[in-house]
Structures are given as C-alpha cells and as structure tokens.
Amino acid sequence: MNLKQLLRTALVVMLLAAATVAQKGVGAPLPASQLEGFSQTKAKSLDDYAGRALLIEIFAYW
C-alpha cells in the first residue's frame, strides 16, 4: 500500500467517524427551556411543540 492509498483510506475512515458522531444528537430531546419575547405565539416552552417539526433560526445583528 503506497502513501497515497494510505492517506485516502485514513480520510475515508475519518469522514465515516465524523458522520457517526454528528448523528448522535439527531432525534434527541431538546433541553427544557422557557420561551420569552415571542409575540406571535402562545407557546411558553419547547414542550408545547412536542411531536411537531420545529425550525429554530438564530440571527444576530453585528
């Protein structure tokens, strides 16, 4: 096995390991938290959205 093949194999192994680590948080419950300052919803916590798809967009002005 030459160096190029060895590096290619190592890269593939690292990518597969990274994908496995990234999947651990998918489907896990969100931590308990309170929602404040949302004028367009009556929801008071993330539990109010249980069983529904939820998109959380974080935006900041710099």
PDB file of N, CA and C in Angstrom:
ATOM      1  N   MET A   1       0.854  -1.169   0.000  1.00  0.00           N
ATOM      2  CA  MET A   1       0.000   0.000   0.000  1.00  0.00           C
ATOM      3  C   MET A   1       0.902   1.235   0.000  1.00  0.00           C
ATOM      4  N   ASN A   2       0.717   2.103  -0.977  1.00  0.00           N
ATOM      5  CA  ASN A   2       1.551   3.293  -1.024  1.00  0.00           C
ATOM      6  C   ASN A   2       0.954   4.409  -0.162  1.00  0.00           C
ATOM      7  N   LEU A   3       1.667   5.500  -0.026  1.00  0.00           N
ATOM      8  CA  LEU A   3       1.282   6.601   0.851  1.00  0.00           C
ATOM      9  C   LEU A   3      -0.043   7.232   0.415  1.00  0.00           C
ATOM     10  N   LYS A   4      -0.251   7.364  -0.881  1.00  0.00           N
ATOM     11  CA  LYS A   4      -1.476   7.972  -1.392  1.00  0.00           C
ATOM     12  C   LYS A   4      -2.703   7.126  -1.004  1.00  0.00           C
ATOM     13  N   GLN A   5      -2.608   5.823  -1.135  1.00  0.00           N
ATOM     14  CA  GLN A   5      -3.712   4.941  -0.763  1.00  0.00           C
ATOM     15  C   GLN A   5      -3.947   4.962   0.746  1.00  0.00           C
ATOM     16  N   LEU A   6      -2.870   5.010   1.500  1.00  0.00           N
ATOM     17  CA  LEU A   6      -2.975   5.057   2.954  1.00  0.00           C
ATOM     18  C   LEU A   6      -3.673   6.340   3.412  1.00  0.00           C
ATOM     19  N   LEU A   7      -3.296   7.474   2.829  1.00  0.00           N
ATOM     20  CA  LEU A   7      -3.934   8.740   3.175  1.00  0.00           C
ATOM     21  C   LEU A   7      -5.405   8.752   2.769  1.00  0.00           C
ATOM     22  N   ARG A   8      -5.719   8.210   1.616  1.00  0.00           N
ATOM     23  CA  ARG A   8      -7.105   8.141   1.147  1.00  0.00           C
ATOM     24  C   ARG A   8      -7.946   7.272   2.086  1.00  0.00           C
ATOM     25  N   THR A   9      -7.400   6.155   2.527  1.00  0.00           N
ATOM     26  CA  THR A   9      -8.103   5.277   3.458  1.00  0.00           C
ATOM     27  C   THR A   9      -8.316   5.969   4.800  1.00  0.00           C
ATOM     28  N   ALA A  10      -7.294   6.663   5.285  1.00  0.00           N
ATOM     29  CA  ALA A  10      -7.414   7.384   6.556  1.00  0.00           C
ATOM     30  C   ALA A  10      -8.485   8.474   6.461  1.00  0.00           C
ATOM     31  N   LEU A  11      -8.547   9.173   5.337  1.00  0.00           N
ATOM     32  CA  LEU A  11      -9.551  10.216   5.135  1.00  0.00           C
ATOM     33  C   LEU A  11     -10.961   9.630   5.149  1.00  0.00           C
ATOM     34  N   VAL A  12     -11.161   8.519   4.492  1.00  0.00           N
ATOM     35  CA  VAL A  12     -12.476   7.869   4.467  1.00  0.00           C
ATOM     36  C   VAL A  12     -12.885   7.441   5.872  1.00  0.00           C
ATOM     37  N   VAL A  13     -11.957   6.876   6.622  1.00  0.00           N
ATOM     38  CA  VAL A  13     -12.256   6.450   7.994  1.00  0.00           C
ATOM     39  C   VAL A  13     -12.619   7.656   8.856  1.00  0.00           C
ATOM     40  N   MET A  14     -11.899   8.755   8.719  1.00  0.00           N
ATOM     41  CA  MET A  14     -12.202   9.953   9.497  1.00  0.00           C
ATOM     42  C   MET A  14     -13.567  10.530   9.126  1.00  0.00           C
ATOM     43  N   LEU A  15     -13.910  10.543   7.858  1.00  0.00           N
ATOM     44  CA  LEU A  15     -15.215  11.055   7.431  1.00  0.00           C
ATOM     45  C   LEU A  15     -16.352  10.194   7.959  1.00  0.00           C
ATOM     46  N   LEU A  16     -16.174   8.883   7.934  1.00  0.00           N
ATOM     47  CA  LEU A  16     -17.202   7.996   8.473  1.00  0.00           C
ATOM     48  C   LEU A  16     -17.347   8.174   9.984  1.00  0.00           C
ATOM     49  N   ALA A  17     -16.248   8.352  10.676  1.00  0.00           N
ATOM     50  CA  ALA A  17     -16.295   8.572  12.129  1.00  0.00           C
ATOM     51  C   ALA A  17     -16.975   9.899  12.445  1.00  0.00           C
ATOM     52  N   ALA A  18     -16.678  10.940  11.679  1.00  0.00           N
ATOM     53  CA  ALA A  18     -17.295  12.247  11.905  1.00  0.00           C
ATOM     54  C   ALA A  18     -18.799  12.188  11.655  1.00  0.00           C
ATOM     55  N   ALA A  19     -19.232  11.474  10.636  1.00  0.00           N
ATOM     56  CA  ALA A  19     -20.653  11.345  10.352  1.00  0.00           C
ATOM     57  C   ALA A  19     -21.368  10.597  11.469  1.00  0.00           C
ATOM     58  N   THR A  20     -20.722   9.609  12.043  1.00  0.00           N
ATOM     59  CA  THR A  20     -21.315   8.855  13.152  1.00  0.00           C
ATOM     60  C   THR A  20     -21.468   9.739  14.380  1.00  0.00           C
ATOM     61  N   VAL A  21     -20.466  10.535  14.687  1.00  0.00           N
ATOM     62  CA  VAL A  21     -20.521  11.432  15.840  1.00  0.00           C
ATOM     63  C   VAL A  21     -21.599  12.488  15.630  1.00  0.00           C
ATOM     64  N   ALA A  22     -21.729  13.023  14.417  1.00  0.00           N
ATOM     65  CA  ALA A  22     -22.712  14.058  14.130  1.00  0.00           C
ATOM     66  C   ALA A  22     -24.136  13.539  14.282  1.00  0.00           C
ATOM     67  N   GLN A  23     -24.389  12.269  14.053  1.00  0.00           N
ATOM     68  CA  GLN A  23     -25.730  11.697  14.118  1.00  0.00           C
ATOM     69  C   GLN A  23     -26.205  11.462  15.548  1.00  0.00           C
ATOM     70  N   LYS A  24     -25.338  11.521  16.535  1.00  0.00           N
ATOM     71  CA  LYS A  24     -25.734  11.212  17.904  1.00  0.00           C
ATOM     72  C   LYS A  24     -26.775  12.173  18.447  1.00  0.00           C
ATOM     73  N   GLY A  25     -26.763  13.444  18.022  1.00  0.00           N
ATOM     74  CA  GLY A  25     -27.719  14.420  18.527  1.00  0.00           C
ATOM     75  C   GLY A  25     -29.045  14.403  17.791  1.00  0.00           C
ATOM     76  N   VAL A  26     -29.118  13.768  16.644  1.00  0.00           N
ATOM     77  CA  VAL A  26     -30.341  13.746  15.849  1.00  0.00           C
ATOM     78  C   VAL A  26     -31.388  12.904  16.543  1.00  0.00           C
ATOM     79  N   GLY A  27     -32.564  13.470  16.754  1.00  0.00           N
ATOM     80  CA  GLY A  27     -33.653  12.751  17.386  1.00  0.00           C
ATOM     81  C   GLY A  27     -33.638  12.813  18.903  1.00  0.00           C
ATOM     82  N   ALA A  28     -32.610  13.394  19.478  1.00  0.00           N
ATOM     83  CA  ALA A  28     -32.537  13.521  20.930  1.00  0.00           C
ATOM     84  C   ALA A  28     -33.449  14.658  21.387  1.00  0.00           C
ATOM     85  N   PRO A  29     -34.063  14.524  22.546  1.00  0.00           N
ATOM     86  CA  PRO A  29     -34.943  15.599  23.027  1.00  0.00           C
ATOM     87  C   PRO A  29     -34.157  16.863  23.344  1.00  0.00           C
ATOM     88  N   LEU A  30     -34.791  18.003  23.130  1.00  0.00           N
ATOM     89  CA  LEU A  30     -34.163  19.275  23.455  1.00  0.00           C
ATOM     90  C   LEU A  30     -34.181  19.488  24.965  1.00  0.00           C
ATOM     91  N   PRO A  31     -33.236  20.224  25.484  1.00  0.00           N
ATOM     92  CA  PRO A  31     -33.258  20.506  26.920  1.00  0.00           C
ATOM     93  C   PRO A  31     -34.439  21.410  27.267  1.00  0.00           C
ATOM     94  N   ALA A  32     -34.924  21.313  28.496  1.00  0.00           N
ATOM     95  CA  ALA A  32     -36.043  22.141  28.940  1.00  0.00           C
ATOM     96  C   ALA A  32     -35.625  23.607  28.942  1.00  0.00           C
ATOM     97  N   SER A  33     -36.485  24.462  28.421  1.00  0.00           N
ATOM     98  CA  SER A  33     -36.205  25.895  28.425  1.00  0.00           C
ATOM     99  C   SER A  33     -37.517  26.655  28.317  1.00  0.00           C
ATOM    100  N   GLN A  34     -37.485  27.896  28.719  1.00  0.00           N
ATOM    101  CA  GLN A  34     -38.657  28.762  28.653  1.00  0.00           C
ATOM    102  C   GLN A  34     -38.503  29.709  27.467  1.00  0.00           C
ATOM    103  N   LEU A  35     -39.613  30.004  26.807  1.00  0.00           N
ATOM    104  CA  LEU A  35     -39.606  30.938  25.684  1.00  0.00           C
ATOM    105  C   LEU A  35     -40.083  32.291  26.180  1.00  0.00           C
ATOM    106  N   GLU A  36     -39.370  33.318  25.828  1.00  0.00           N
ATOM    107  CA  GLU A  36     -39.749  34.661  26.235  1.00  0.00           C
ATOM    108  C   GLU A  36     -39.645  35.603  25.055  1.00  0.00           C
ATOM    109  N   GLY A  37     -40.537  36.566  24.994  1.00  0.00           N
ATOM    110  CA  GLY A  37     -40.442  37.622  23.994  1.00  0.00           C
ATOM    111  C   GLY A  37     -40.941  37.240  22.612  1.00  0.00           C
ATOM    112  N   PHE A  38     -41.764  36.216  22.495  1.00  0.00           N
ATOM    113  CA  PHE A  38     -42.321  35.841  21.205  1.00  0.00           C
ATOM    114  C   PHE A  38     -43.750  36.358  21.133  1.00  0.00           C
ATOM    115  N   SER A  39     -43.999  37.334  20.297  1.00  0.00           N
ATOM    116  CA  SER A  39     -45.320  37.962  20.246  1.00  0.00           C
ATOM    117  C   SER A  39     -46.299  37.217  19.346  1.00  0.00           C
ATOM    118  N   GLN A  40     -45.850  36.313  18.501  1.00  0.00           N
ATOM    119  CA  GLN A  40     -46.736  35.649  17.547  1.00  0.00           C
ATOM    120  C   GLN A  40     -47.118  34.237  17.971  1.00  0.00           C
ATOM    121  N   THR A  41     -46.872  33.863  19.209  1.00  0.00           N
ATOM    122  CA  THR A  41     -47.218  32.525  19.664  1.00  0.00           C
ATOM    123  C   THR A  41     -47.647  32.555  21.133  1.00  0.00           C
ATOM    124  N   LYS A  42     -48.465  31.602  21.489  1.00  0.00           N
ATOM    125  CA  LYS A  42     -48.874  31.460  22.882  1.00  0.00           C
ATOM    126  C   LYS A  42     -48.005  30.437  23.616  1.00  0.00           C
ATOM    127  N   ALA A  43     -47.077  29.844  22.915  1.00  0.00           N
ATOM    128  CA  ALA A  43     -46.209  28.815  23.497  1.00  0.00           C
ATOM    129  C   ALA A  43     -45.344  29.425  24.594  1.00  0.00           C
ATOM    130  N   LYS A  44     -45.200  28.697  25.672  1.00  0.00           N
ATOM    131  CA  LYS A  44     -44.378  29.141  26.798  1.00  0.00           C
ATOM    132  C   LYS A  44     -43.111  28.310  26.973  1.00  0.00           C
ATOM    133  N   SER A  45     -43.065  27.116  26.360  1.00  0.00           N
ATOM    134  CA  SER A  45     -41.871  26.276  26.460  1.00  0.00           C
ATOM    135  C   SER A  45     -41.770  25.416  25.196  1.00  0.00           C
ATOM    136  N   LEU A  46     -40.642  24.756  25.038  1.00  0.00           N
ATOM    137  CA  LEU A  46     -40.457  23.884  23.878  1.00  0.00           C
ATOM    138  C   LEU A  46     -41.363  22.657  23.946  1.00  0.00           C
ATOM    139  N   ASP A  47     -41.824  22.303  25.140  1.00  0.00           N
ATOM    140  CA  ASP A  47     -42.745  21.168  25.291  1.00  0.00           C
ATOM    141  C   ASP A  47     -44.068  21.413  24.561  1.00  0.00           C
ATOM    142  N   ASP A  48     -44.423  22.670  24.346  1.00  0.00           N
ATOM    143  CA  ASP A  48     -45.651  22.996  23.616  1.00  0.00           C
ATOM    144  C   ASP A  48     -45.571  22.555  22.152  1.00  0.00           C
ATOM    145  N   TYR A  49     -44.379  22.290  21.660  1.00  0.00           N
ATOM    146  CA  TYR A  49     -44.170  21.858  20.285  1.00  0.00           C
ATOM    147  C   TYR A  49     -43.871  20.362  20.177  1.00  0.00           C
ATOM    148  N   ALA A  50     -44.083  19.613  21.227  1.00  0.00           N
ATOM    149  CA  ALA A  50     -43.771  18.179  21.224  1.00  0.00           C
ATOM    150  C   ALA A  50     -44.512  17.468  20.106  1.00  0.00           C
ATOM    151  N   GLY A  51     -43.801  16.626  19.363  1.00  0.00           N
ATOM    152  CA  GLY A  51     -44.391  15.856  18.274  1.00  0.00           C
ATOM    153  C   GLY A  51     -44.499  16.618  16.964  1.00  0.00           C
ATOM    154  N   ARG A  52     -44.005  17.830  16.913  1.00  0.00           N
ATOM    155  CA  ARG A  52     -44.078  18.643  15.699  1.00  0.00           C
ATOM    156  C   ARG A  52     -42.666  18.998  15.240  1.00  0.00           C
ATOM    157  N   ALA A  53     -42.533  19.228  13.939  1.00  0.00           N
ATOM    158  CA  ALA A  53     -41.242  19.681  13.413  1.00  0.00           C
ATOM    159  C   ALA A  53     -41.037  21.128  13.847  1.00  0.00           C
ATOM    160  N   LEU A  54     -39.838  21.465  14.251  1.00  0.00           N
ATOM    161  CA  LEU A  54     -39.558  22.801  14.755  1.00  0.00           C
ATOM    162  C   LEU A  54     -38.256  23.294  14.145  1.00  0.00           C
ATOM    163  N   LEU A  55     -38.321  24.443  13.489  1.00  0.00           N
ATOM    164  CA  LEU A  55     -37.136  25.071  12.919  1.00  0.00           C
ATOM    165  C   LEU A  55     -36.751  26.228  13.821  1.00  0.00           C
ATOM    166  N   ILE A  56     -35.561  26.178  14.357  1.00  0.00           N
ATOM    167  CA  ILE A  56     -35.065  27.250  15.210  1.00  0.00           C
ATOM    168  C   ILE A  56     -34.017  28.010  14.422  1.00  0.00           C
ATOM    169  N   GLU A  57     -34.319  29.269  14.151  1.00  0.00           N
ATOM    170  CA  GLU A  57     -33.389  30.108  13.393  1.00  0.00           C
ATOM    171  C   GLU A  57     -32.820  31.152  14.336  1.00  0.00           C
ATOM    172  N   ILE A  58     -31.526  31.202  14.396  1.00  0.00           N
ATOM    173  CA  ILE A  58     -30.853  32.167  15.256  1.00  0.00           C
ATOM    174  C   ILE A  58     -30.182  33.202  14.353  1.00  0.00           C
ATOM    175  N   PHE A  59     -30.508  34.451  14.600  1.00  0.00           N
ATOM    176  CA  PHE A  59     -29.977  35.520  13.777  1.00  0.00           C
ATOM    177  C   PHE A  59     -29.473  36.626  14.677  1.00  0.00           C
ATOM    178  N   ALA A  60     -28.359  37.215  14.336  1.00  0.00           N
ATOM    179  CA  ALA A  60     -27.808  38.290  15.148  1.00  0.00           C
ATOM    180  C   ALA A  60     -27.370  39.443  14.252  1.00  0.00           C
ATOM    181  N   TYR A  61     -27.590  40.634  14.727  1.00  0.00           N
ATOM    182  CA  TYR A  61     -27.068  41.821  14.055  1.00  0.00           C
ATOM    183  C   TYR A  61     -25.721  42.140  14.665  1.00  0.00           C
ATOM    184  N   TRP A  62     -24.749  42.377  13.847  1.00  0.00           N
ATOM    185  CA  TRP A  62     -23.421  42.686  14.358  1.00  0.00           C
ATOM    186  C   TRP A  62     -23.095  44.112  14.068  1.00  0.00           C
TER     187      TRP A  62
END
